[in-house]
């Protein structure tokens, strides 16, 4: 990819390689610690960030680590929300072992997420980011919750452009035999797919990093974000196959064909408050893939920038906190996720 993108410019090639070398050698400082563990279920952990009131659970994607939501002291949506008085919890999916190879996305919902939700004294508000939003929507259809917020979460997978879906299908066809033999989908396979969504930007960001003053705020943020993007536990083989084949290839969610434990997953029929935060500049999860809730907030930020960018607090953090407050205030009694009655 590097050779292709810089074929006409040896100077760009040298700059990108210099940026990559600088990233690899950068000082990371002390290791970041996530919130303390409140509840456990198998390899999954529910981490506590403090606050008060009804529980608010953040559900990250299965693909990248959860610490994008708690990136640094200054760039932590979770710690900020707790400071606003909301009882903030983070689901940490943990690392699967070889015995979990047959655990698909539905199993992550029923075997890990739902048991953790049921450990709480009252129905929580669920907030899902990226594929975590898709998973949160499924959970909300299967157990009582007080509200559901989806952030840059794909649902209509035919909203991804044809070229991207073709590249993803080609990647999976090549990787599937080895992944099946191993029983999991390594992060390297997934990261290759992300790179192919926007190869020009993948190269240009390392070119830009080569010119940044070492140790400055911008450089430290770049390193923290790249460490997050390049890290992460592998997916179980079954979850990877479901993502590539049922979601991306067949759009099972958008087509209304996703069922879990005999229940059709239809978030449009939820009785609890729902909201969708949609990035209009998202190169990873395009706006056209959003679920289509009536309460839709469109953000002028990218997939990651909406969480940790310079405008994140104004565009996402504060509106999300306001929605949580309204949802809490409107609960004279716990809301349930039962379907609305037909007219």
Protein backbone atom coordinates (compact mmCIF):
# COMPACT_ATOMS: atom_id res chain seq x y z
CA UNK A 1 0.00 0.00 0.00
CA UNK A 2 2.87 2.35 0.84
CA UNK A 3 4.55 1.65 -2.50
CA UNK A 4 1.29 2.21 -4.39
CA UNK A 5 0.41 5.47 -2.66
CA UNK A 6 3.90 6.99 -3.01
CA UNK A 7 4.91 5.54 -6.40
CA UNK A 8 5.19 8.99 -7.99
CA UNK A 9 7.01 10.63 -5.08
CA UNK A 10 10.13 9.21 -3.42
CA UNK A 11 10.05 12.18 -1.03
CA UNK A 12 6.63 11.11 0.26
CA UNK A 13 7.89 7.57 0.70
CA UNK A 14 10.85 8.77 2.79
CA UNK A 15 8.60 11.05 4.87
CA UNK A 16 6.08 8.28 5.58
CA UNK A 17 8.83 5.87 6.60
CA UNK A 18 10.38 8.54 8.83
CA UNK A 19 6.99 9.10 10.47
CA UNK A 20 6.55 5.39 11.02
CA UNK A 21 10.00 5.09 12.60
CA UNK A 22 9.29 8.08 14.87
CA UNK A 23 5.98 6.51 15.94
CA UNK A 24 7.65 3.20 16.77
CA UNK A 25 10.34 4.93 18.85
CA UNK A 26 8.05 7.40 20.66
CA UNK A 27 8.05 7.52 24.46
CA UNK A 28 4.73 6.18 25.74
CA UNK A 29 5.19 7.14 29.39
CA UNK A 30 3.33 5.25 32.10
CA UNK A 31 0.82 2.61 31.03
CA UNK A 32 -2.79 3.84 31.00
CA UNK A 33 -5.08 2.20 33.58
CA UNK A 34 -8.79 1.72 32.98
CA UNK A 35 -11.46 1.99 35.69
CA UNK A 36 -11.62 -0.63 38.43
CA UNK A 37 -13.58 -3.83 37.89
CA UNK A 38 -17.12 -3.81 39.30
CA UNK A 39 -18.47 -7.08 37.87
CA UNK A 40 -17.02 -10.02 35.90
CA UNK A 41 -18.51 -12.51 33.49
CA UNK A 42 -16.04 -14.90 31.95
CA UNK A 43 -13.37 -12.80 30.23
CA UNK A 44 -15.58 -9.68 30.21
CA UNK A 45 -15.31 -6.95 32.83
CA UNK A 46 -17.67 -4.13 33.78
CA UNK A 47 -15.39 -1.26 34.84
CA UNK A 48 -16.51 1.53 37.15
CA UNK A 49 -15.72 5.22 36.55
CA UNK A 50 -17.77 6.68 39.40
CA UNK A 51 -20.69 9.08 39.32
CA UNK A 52 -24.18 8.59 40.71
CA UNK A 53 -27.71 7.75 39.66
CA UNK A 54 -28.91 5.10 37.24
CA UNK A 55 -26.11 3.13 35.55
CA UNK A 56 -24.86 4.14 32.11
CA UNK A 57 -22.95 1.34 30.34
CA UNK A 58 -20.60 2.13 27.45
CA UNK A 59 -20.17 -0.75 25.02
CA UNK A 60 -17.13 -0.50 22.72
CA UNK A 61 -16.53 -2.45 19.54
CA UNK A 62 -15.20 -5.99 19.68
CA UNK A 63 -12.47 -4.96 17.24
CA UNK A 64 -10.38 -2.30 19.01
CA UNK A 65 -9.53 -1.90 22.71
CA UNK A 66 -12.02 -0.01 24.90
CA UNK A 67 -9.58 2.72 25.96
CA UNK A 68 -10.55 5.08 23.12
CA UNK A 69 -13.32 6.13 25.53
CA UNK A 70 -10.69 6.82 28.21
CA UNK A 71 -7.71 7.80 26.08
CA UNK A 72 -5.92 10.29 28.35
CA UNK A 73 -6.81 12.31 31.43
CA UNK A 74 -7.79 15.23 29.20
CA UNK A 75 -9.45 13.10 26.53
CA UNK A 76 -11.71 10.77 28.49
CA UNK A 77 -15.41 10.79 27.73
CA UNK A 78 -15.98 8.30 30.57
CA UNK A 79 -14.22 10.31 33.29
CA UNK A 80 -15.86 13.53 32.11
CA UNK A 81 -19.37 12.02 32.23
CA UNK A 82 -18.73 10.68 35.72
CA UNK A 83 -17.67 14.20 36.77
CA UNK A 84 -21.04 15.45 35.45
CA UNK A 85 -22.75 13.17 37.97
CA UNK A 86 -23.63 10.18 35.78
CA UNK A 87 -22.83 6.70 37.06
CA UNK A 88 -20.50 5.60 34.28
CA UNK A 89 -19.48 2.01 33.51
CA UNK A 90 -17.38 0.53 30.71
CA UNK A 91 -17.68 -2.95 29.23
CA UNK A 92 -14.23 -4.44 28.64
CA UNK A 93 -14.61 -7.51 26.40
CA UNK A 94 -11.28 -9.01 27.43
CA UNK A 95 -9.25 -11.42 25.29
CA UNK A 96 -10.81 -14.64 23.94
CA UNK A 97 -8.92 -17.92 24.12
CA UNK A 98 -8.95 -20.78 21.63
CA UNK A 99 -11.90 -22.43 23.37
CA UNK A 100 -14.10 -19.45 22.39
CA UNK A 101 -13.67 -19.98 18.63
CA UNK A 102 -17.39 -20.77 18.09
CA UNK A 103 -18.63 -17.71 20.01
CA UNK A 104 -20.37 -15.45 17.51
CA UNK A 105 -21.59 -11.89 18.01
CA UNK A 106 -24.94 -13.10 19.32
CA UNK A 107 -23.12 -15.20 21.92
CA UNK A 108 -21.18 -12.13 23.05
CA UNK A 109 -24.57 -10.54 23.75
CA UNK A 110 -26.21 -13.47 25.51
CA UNK A 111 -23.22 -14.98 27.32
CA UNK A 112 -21.27 -11.87 28.35
CA UNK A 113 -23.24 -8.62 28.06
CA UNK A 114 -26.71 -9.64 29.28
CA UNK A 115 -25.46 -11.42 32.43
CA UNK A 116 -23.47 -8.30 33.36
CA UNK A 117 -26.51 -6.08 32.81
CA UNK A 118 -28.56 -8.34 35.05
CA UNK A 119 -26.05 -7.91 37.86
CA UNK A 120 -27.17 -4.29 38.18
CA UNK A 121 -29.94 -3.18 40.53
CA UNK A 122 -31.88 -1.35 37.81
CA UNK A 123 -32.06 -1.24 34.02
CA UNK A 124 -29.13 0.75 32.60
CA UNK A 125 -28.82 3.22 29.77
CA UNK A 126 -26.77 1.55 27.03
CA UNK A 127 -24.38 3.60 24.90
CA UNK A 128 -22.62 1.74 22.09
CA UNK A 129 -19.75 2.98 19.95
CA UNK A 130 -19.05 1.59 16.46
CA UNK A 131 -19.85 -2.15 16.36
CA UNK A 132 -20.55 -1.81 20.08
CA UNK A 133 -23.62 0.22 19.11
CA UNK A 134 -24.88 -2.63 16.95
CA UNK A 135 -24.36 -4.98 19.88
CA UNK A 136 -26.01 -2.55 22.33
CA UNK A 137 -29.07 -2.39 20.08
CA UNK A 138 -29.35 -6.17 20.19
CA UNK A 139 -29.07 -6.22 23.98
CA UNK A 140 -31.78 -3.55 24.28
CA UNK A 141 -34.14 -5.83 22.38
CA UNK A 142 -33.47 -8.71 24.76
CA UNK A 143 -33.53 -7.18 28.25
CA UNK A 144 -35.08 -4.13 29.95
CA UNK A 145 -32.99 -0.98 29.52
CA UNK A 146 -33.65 2.67 30.32
CA UNK A 147 -32.37 4.05 27.02
CA UNK A 148 -30.20 3.31 23.99
CA UNK A 149 -27.66 5.62 22.35
CA UNK A 150 -25.73 4.55 19.26
CA UNK A 151 -22.55 6.44 18.34
CA UNK A 152 -21.07 5.99 14.84
CA UNK A 153 -22.67 2.55 14.84
CA UNK A 154 -23.36 0.58 11.63
CA UNK A 155 -26.76 -1.01 11.11
CA UNK A 156 -27.57 -0.65 7.41
CA UNK A 157 -24.48 -2.40 6.07
CA UNK A 158 -25.54 -1.77 2.49
CA UNK A 159 -24.80 1.86 3.34
CA UNK A 160 -21.10 1.07 2.89
CA UNK A 161 -20.09 1.87 -0.67
CA UNK A 162 -19.83 -0.97 -3.15
CA UNK A 163 -16.07 -0.67 -3.54
CA UNK A 164 -15.43 -0.88 0.20
CA UNK A 165 -17.66 -3.92 0.58
CA UNK A 166 -15.91 -5.61 -2.35
CA UNK A 167 -12.48 -4.97 -0.80
CA UNK A 168 -13.66 -6.27 2.56
CA UNK A 169 -15.09 -9.40 0.91
CA UNK A 170 -11.82 -9.99 -0.93
CA UNK A 171 -9.83 -9.58 2.27
CA UNK A 172 -12.04 -12.07 4.12
CA UNK A 173 -11.93 -14.62 1.30
CA UNK A 174 -8.13 -14.58 1.47
CA UNK A 175 -7.91 -14.64 5.28
CA UNK A 176 -10.77 -17.02 6.10
CA UNK A 177 -8.95 -20.38 5.74
CA UNK A 178 -6.10 -19.36 8.07
CA UNK A 179 -8.50 -17.72 10.53
CA UNK A 180 -10.64 -20.86 10.61
CA UNK A 181 -7.56 -23.00 11.29
CA UNK A 182 -6.46 -20.71 14.14
CA UNK A 183 -9.94 -20.24 15.57
CA UNK A 184 -9.72 -16.45 15.65
CA UNK A 185 -9.30 -13.39 13.43
CA UNK A 186 -6.05 -11.58 14.32
CA UNK A 187 -6.04 -7.82 14.70
CA UNK A 188 -3.62 -7.64 11.75
CA UNK A 189 -6.36 -8.88 9.42
CA UNK A 190 -8.86 -6.36 10.74
CA UNK A 191 -6.37 -3.47 10.63
CA UNK A 192 -5.54 -4.29 7.01
CA UNK A 193 -9.23 -3.91 6.24
CA UNK A 194 -9.35 -0.51 7.94
CA UNK A 195 -6.29 0.67 6.02
CA UNK A 196 -7.96 -0.27 2.75
CA UNK A 197 -10.99 1.89 3.51
CA UNK A 198 -8.78 4.98 3.05
CA UNK A 199 -5.22 4.06 2.03
CA UNK A 200 -4.26 7.63 1.07
CA UNK A 201 -5.00 8.91 4.57
CA UNK A 202 -3.18 5.98 6.16
CA UNK A 203 0.02 7.07 4.43
CA UNK A 204 -0.47 10.83 4.74
CA UNK A 205 -0.94 10.75 8.52
CA UNK A 206 2.52 9.22 8.96
CA UNK A 207 3.96 11.82 6.61
CA UNK A 208 2.44 14.50 8.82
CA UNK A 209 3.73 12.86 11.99
CA UNK A 210 7.29 13.00 10.66
CA UNK A 211 7.04 16.81 10.71
CA UNK A 212 5.55 17.13 14.22
CA UNK A 213 7.75 18.37 17.10
CA UNK A 214 8.58 15.26 19.19
CA UNK A 215 6.90 15.16 22.58
CA UNK A 216 4.38 17.91 21.83
CA UNK A 217 0.66 17.61 22.56
CA UNK A 218 -0.16 16.77 18.93
CA UNK A 219 2.54 14.10 18.80
CA UNK A 220 1.43 12.51 22.09
CA UNK A 221 -2.17 12.41 20.90
CA UNK A 222 -1.12 10.85 17.60
CA UNK A 223 0.82 8.11 19.40
CA UNK A 224 -2.04 7.38 21.81
CA UNK A 225 -4.54 7.11 18.96
CA UNK A 226 -2.30 4.95 16.81
CA UNK A 227 -1.57 2.66 19.74
CA UNK A 228 -5.32 2.22 20.16
CA UNK A 229 -5.91 1.67 16.43
CA UNK A 230 -3.12 -0.89 16.14
CA UNK A 231 -3.96 -2.80 19.31
CA UNK A 232 -6.83 -5.02 20.27
CA UNK A 233 -7.68 -8.61 21.00
CA UNK A 234 -8.42 -10.98 18.14
CA UNK A 235 -12.01 -11.76 17.23
CA UNK A 236 -13.25 -15.27 17.72
CA UNK A 237 -13.55 -16.99 14.35
CA UNK A 238 -17.35 -17.21 14.64
CA UNK A 239 -17.69 -13.49 15.43
CA UNK A 240 -15.42 -12.58 12.52
CA UNK A 241 -17.32 -14.82 10.13
CA UNK A 242 -20.63 -13.32 11.27
CA UNK A 243 -19.32 -9.79 10.83
CA UNK A 244 -17.89 -10.34 7.35
CA UNK A 245 -20.53 -12.73 6.00
CA UNK A 246 -23.81 -11.88 7.74
CA UNK A 247 -23.33 -8.17 8.36
CA UNK A 248 -21.12 -6.79 5.60
CA UNK A 249 -22.03 -9.26 2.85
CA UNK A 250 -25.73 -9.86 3.59
CA UNK A 251 -26.78 -6.81 5.65
CA UNK A 252 -28.71 -9.08 8.01
CA UNK A 253 -29.32 -6.24 10.50
CA UNK A 254 -30.62 -3.69 8.01
CA UNK A 255 -32.68 -6.33 6.20
CA UNK A 256 -34.44 -7.27 9.45
CA UNK A 257 -33.11 -10.82 9.52
CA UNK A 258 -31.05 -10.79 12.71
CA UNK A 259 -32.46 -13.01 15.44
CA UNK A 260 -30.89 -13.88 18.79
CA UNK A 261 -32.26 -16.57 21.08
CA UNK A 262 -35.40 -16.71 18.94
CA UNK A 263 -36.05 -12.95 19.19
CA UNK A 264 -36.02 -10.69 16.14
CA UNK A 265 -33.65 -7.77 16.73
CA UNK A 266 -35.67 -4.69 15.79
CA UNK A 267 -34.43 -1.59 17.64
CA UNK A 268 -36.97 0.54 15.78
CA UNK A 269 -39.68 -1.00 17.96
CA UNK A 270 -38.10 -0.18 21.32
CA UNK A 271 -40.24 1.70 23.84
CA UNK A 272 -37.28 3.24 25.67
CA UNK A 273 -35.68 6.53 24.54
CA UNK A 274 -33.28 6.10 21.62
CA UNK A 275 -30.79 8.42 19.92
CA UNK A 276 -28.23 8.08 17.13
CA UNK A 277 -25.07 10.20 16.87
CA UNK A 278 -23.91 10.09 13.26
CA UNK A 279 -20.57 11.30 11.95
CA UNK A 280 -20.93 13.03 8.59
CA UNK A 281 -17.18 12.75 7.91
CA UNK A 282 -16.72 9.12 8.90
CA UNK A 283 -14.31 7.13 6.72
CA UNK A 284 -14.89 3.92 8.72
CA UNK A 285 -18.65 3.85 9.36
CA UNK A 286 -20.41 6.00 6.73
CA UNK A 287 -23.46 8.01 7.69
CA UNK A 288 -25.54 6.00 5.22
CA UNK A 289 -25.11 2.93 7.44
CA UNK A 290 -26.82 4.54 10.48
CA UNK A 291 -29.89 2.93 11.96
CA UNK A 292 -32.34 5.77 11.30
CA UNK A 293 -33.75 6.63 14.74
CA UNK A 294 -36.07 9.64 14.82
CA UNK A 295 -33.66 11.42 17.18
CA UNK A 296 -30.57 11.70 14.98
CA UNK A 297 -27.69 14.07 15.71
CA UNK A 298 -25.31 14.76 12.83
CA UNK A 299 -21.74 15.63 13.76
CA UNK A 300 -19.09 17.38 11.66
CA UNK A 301 -16.34 15.10 12.93
CA UNK A 302 -14.68 11.84 12.00
CA UNK A 303 -15.16 8.39 13.47
CA UNK A 304 -12.47 8.90 16.11
CA UNK A 305 -12.50 12.69 16.25
CA UNK A 306 -16.07 12.67 17.54
CA UNK A 307 -14.79 10.81 20.62
CA UNK A 308 -11.41 12.44 21.33
CA UNK A 309 -11.01 15.35 18.88
CA UNK A 310 -10.67 19.01 19.81
CA UNK A 311 -14.38 19.56 19.12
CA UNK A 312 -15.59 16.35 20.78
CA UNK A 313 -16.82 17.97 23.98
CA UNK A 314 -19.07 20.44 22.18
CA UNK A 315 -20.24 18.09 19.43
CA UNK A 316 -20.72 14.82 21.32
CA UNK A 317 -19.88 14.84 25.02
CA UNK A 318 -22.22 17.63 26.09
CA UNK A 319 -25.18 16.63 23.86
CA UNK A 320 -24.83 13.05 25.07
CA UNK A 321 -24.73 14.17 28.71
CA UNK A 322 -27.82 16.30 28.14
CA UNK A 323 -29.65 13.34 26.58
CA UNK A 324 -28.70 11.12 29.52
CA UNK A 325 -30.00 13.75 31.94
CA UNK A 326 -33.31 14.02 30.07
CA UNK A 327 -33.64 10.26 29.95
CA UNK A 328 -33.02 10.03 33.69
CA UNK A 329 -35.47 12.85 34.43
CA UNK A 330 -38.19 11.22 32.34
CA UNK A 331 -38.07 7.97 34.24
CA UNK A 332 -40.93 8.08 36.69
CA UNK A 333 -40.61 4.30 36.62
CA UNK A 334 -38.01 2.12 34.88
CA UNK A 335 -38.51 1.97 31.11
CA UNK A 336 -38.54 -1.44 29.51
CA UNK A 337 -37.42 -2.46 26.08
CA UNK A 338 -40.68 -4.05 25.11
CA UNK A 339 -41.88 -3.43 21.60
CA UNK A 340 -44.39 -0.67 21.01
CA UNK A 341 -47.88 -1.95 20.51
CA UNK A 342 -49.00 -1.87 16.88
CA UNK A 343 -51.65 0.74 16.01
